Structure formats: structure tokens, C-alpha cells
């Protein structure tokens, strides 16, 4: 892109309201509760609950790991001069900005009145 002043820029990021330490705390709380319940059931001879509690822990841990991996993803649209740049960053890679002439991309705002 040319080195001029950015006329318009939009960055879309996921809403991450929980910090990484908070996520670890939530997983630990779920794991603790699940293990306490599973051990309680196993003490009254219902040991069959233990493998399912383990599955719950594995699934919950994987879900929070995936959330943590995608916490820094974003998509960016920049209009600078006569160029439109679209950039996408996800967990594994950052795609270079794709440049388009602004004559190709047009946006119309419809009035709500």
C-alpha cells in the first residue's frame, strides 16, 4: 500500500472477556467439581462414572485450549487512498494483505428512517 494517511480501517476481533488466567481457573473449577462428584459416586460403588468424568475433563480442556489458540485472531479491512486491503490472521498463519482497487468494492449505507 502507498504511504498515505489511512482513511478508514475496521478490525474485527473475537470477544474475549476472560483472561488466560481466568480460563485456567474456570477449567480447574470444572475439573475439581467433576472429580469430586465422580469420586463421590465411586465411593458408593458407582465407579462407572469415573471414565465419563475423564471424558468431560478432556473435552472441556480441549475446548478451552481451542478458545485460547484463537483469542488473537482478527480480520482487518483498510481503505487507503485508492486501495482496499483485506488481512486475516488466524491461529496458525497471517495471510498477507490482499489489495483491491476501491472501484471494485463498494458499500452502500441504507437509511433506517
Protein backbone atom coordinates (compact mmCIF):
# COMPACT_ATOMS: atom_id res chain seq x y z
CA UNK A 1 0.00 0.00 0.00
CA UNK A 2 1.08 3.56 -0.53
CA UNK A 3 2.38 5.51 2.43
CA UNK A 4 -0.53 7.89 2.90
CA UNK A 5 -2.90 8.57 5.74
CA UNK A 6 -5.34 5.74 6.46
CA UNK A 7 -8.77 6.97 5.52
CA UNK A 8 -10.76 4.09 7.03
CA UNK A 9 -9.93 0.93 8.97
CA UNK A 10 -12.05 -1.80 10.53
CA UNK A 11 -10.58 -4.53 12.73
CA UNK A 12 -12.82 -7.41 13.83
CA UNK A 13 -11.64 -9.46 16.81
CA UNK A 14 -13.37 -12.16 18.87
CA UNK A 15 -14.87 -11.01 22.15
CA UNK A 16 -12.56 -12.47 24.78
CA UNK A 17 -13.93 -11.36 28.12
CA UNK A 18 -11.95 -13.92 30.12
CA UNK A 19 -8.18 -13.58 30.61
CA UNK A 20 -5.88 -16.58 30.12
CA UNK A 21 -5.53 -16.96 33.90
CA UNK A 22 -9.30 -16.79 34.19
CA UNK A 23 -9.69 -19.53 31.60
CA UNK A 24 -7.30 -21.76 33.55
CA UNK A 25 -9.29 -21.04 36.70
CA UNK A 26 -12.58 -21.97 35.04
CA UNK A 27 -11.12 -25.25 33.71
CA UNK A 28 -9.69 -26.02 37.15
CA UNK A 29 -13.06 -25.29 38.80
CA UNK A 30 -14.93 -27.52 36.35
CA UNK A 31 -12.32 -30.26 36.78
CA UNK A 32 -12.48 -30.05 40.57
CA UNK A 33 -16.28 -30.19 40.65
CA UNK A 34 -16.40 -33.06 38.16
CA UNK A 35 -13.78 -35.09 40.04
CA UNK A 36 -15.45 -34.50 43.42
CA UNK A 37 -18.78 -35.72 42.05
CA UNK A 38 -17.15 -38.70 40.28
CA UNK A 39 -15.21 -39.72 43.39
CA UNK A 40 -18.37 -39.36 45.46
CA UNK A 41 -20.19 -41.73 43.13
CA UNK A 42 -17.27 -44.16 43.10
CA UNK A 43 -17.32 -44.27 46.92
CA UNK A 44 -20.89 -45.60 46.78
CA UNK A 45 -19.83 -48.31 44.30
CA UNK A 46 -20.77 -46.44 41.13
CA UNK A 47 -17.22 -46.41 39.75
CA UNK A 48 -18.55 -46.46 36.17
CA UNK A 49 -18.88 -42.68 36.41
CA UNK A 50 -15.09 -42.15 36.52
CA UNK A 51 -14.36 -42.74 32.79
CA UNK A 52 -17.14 -40.35 31.80
CA UNK A 53 -15.80 -37.72 34.19
CA UNK A 54 -12.43 -38.14 32.49
CA UNK A 55 -14.06 -37.64 29.08
CA UNK A 56 -15.71 -34.46 30.35
CA UNK A 57 -12.35 -33.17 31.55
CA UNK A 58 -10.63 -33.96 28.25
CA UNK A 59 -13.41 -32.34 26.19
CA UNK A 60 -13.54 -29.23 28.39
CA UNK A 61 -9.76 -28.85 28.36
CA UNK A 62 -9.65 -29.17 24.57
CA UNK A 63 -12.45 -26.61 24.15
CA UNK A 64 -10.66 -24.07 26.33
CA UNK A 65 -7.36 -24.80 24.55
CA UNK A 66 -9.03 -24.06 21.22
CA UNK A 67 -10.51 -20.83 22.60
CA UNK A 68 -7.05 -19.83 23.84
CA UNK A 69 -5.48 -20.53 20.45
CA UNK A 70 -7.98 -18.36 18.58
CA UNK A 71 -8.03 -15.49 21.10
CA UNK A 72 -5.67 -13.35 18.99
CA UNK A 73 -7.37 -13.88 15.62
CA UNK A 74 -8.56 -10.84 13.71
CA UNK A 75 -9.73 -9.62 10.33
CA UNK A 76 -8.83 -6.18 9.07
CA UNK A 77 -10.22 -4.08 6.24
CA UNK A 78 -8.28 -0.91 5.38
CA UNK A 79 -9.15 1.69 2.77
CA UNK A 80 -6.15 3.81 1.96
CA UNK A 81 -6.24 6.13 -0.98
CA UNK A 82 -7.49 4.12 -3.94
CA UNK A 83 -6.60 0.73 -2.41
CA UNK A 84 -8.70 -1.65 -0.32
CA UNK A 85 -6.63 -4.07 1.79
CA UNK A 86 -8.09 -7.18 3.42
CA UNK A 87 -5.97 -9.02 6.00
CA UNK A 88 -6.84 -12.11 8.01
CA UNK A 89 -4.90 -13.60 10.90
CA UNK A 90 -5.90 -16.91 12.41
CA UNK A 91 -4.26 -19.30 14.83
CA UNK A 92 -1.69 -20.82 12.51
CA UNK A 93 -0.89 -18.10 10.00
CA UNK A 94 -1.25 -14.50 8.97
CA UNK A 95 -2.31 -14.09 5.40
CA UNK A 96 -0.69 -11.16 3.64
CA UNK A 97 -2.99 -8.27 2.89
CA UNK A 98 -4.86 -8.70 -0.37
CA UNK A 99 -5.06 -5.45 -2.27
CA UNK A 100 -8.01 -4.44 -4.40
CA UNK A 101 -8.74 -1.20 -6.21
CA UNK A 102 -11.54 0.65 -4.40
CA UNK A 103 -13.54 0.89 -7.59
CA UNK A 104 -14.27 -2.86 -7.27
CA UNK A 105 -15.53 -2.77 -3.69
CA UNK A 106 -18.45 -0.51 -2.91
CA UNK A 107 -20.50 -0.24 0.23
CA UNK A 108 -23.90 1.39 0.45
CA UNK A 109 -25.49 2.51 3.70
CA UNK A 110 -29.25 2.15 3.75
CA UNK A 111 -31.11 4.70 5.82
CA UNK A 112 -33.24 3.28 8.60
CA UNK A 113 -35.74 6.14 8.57
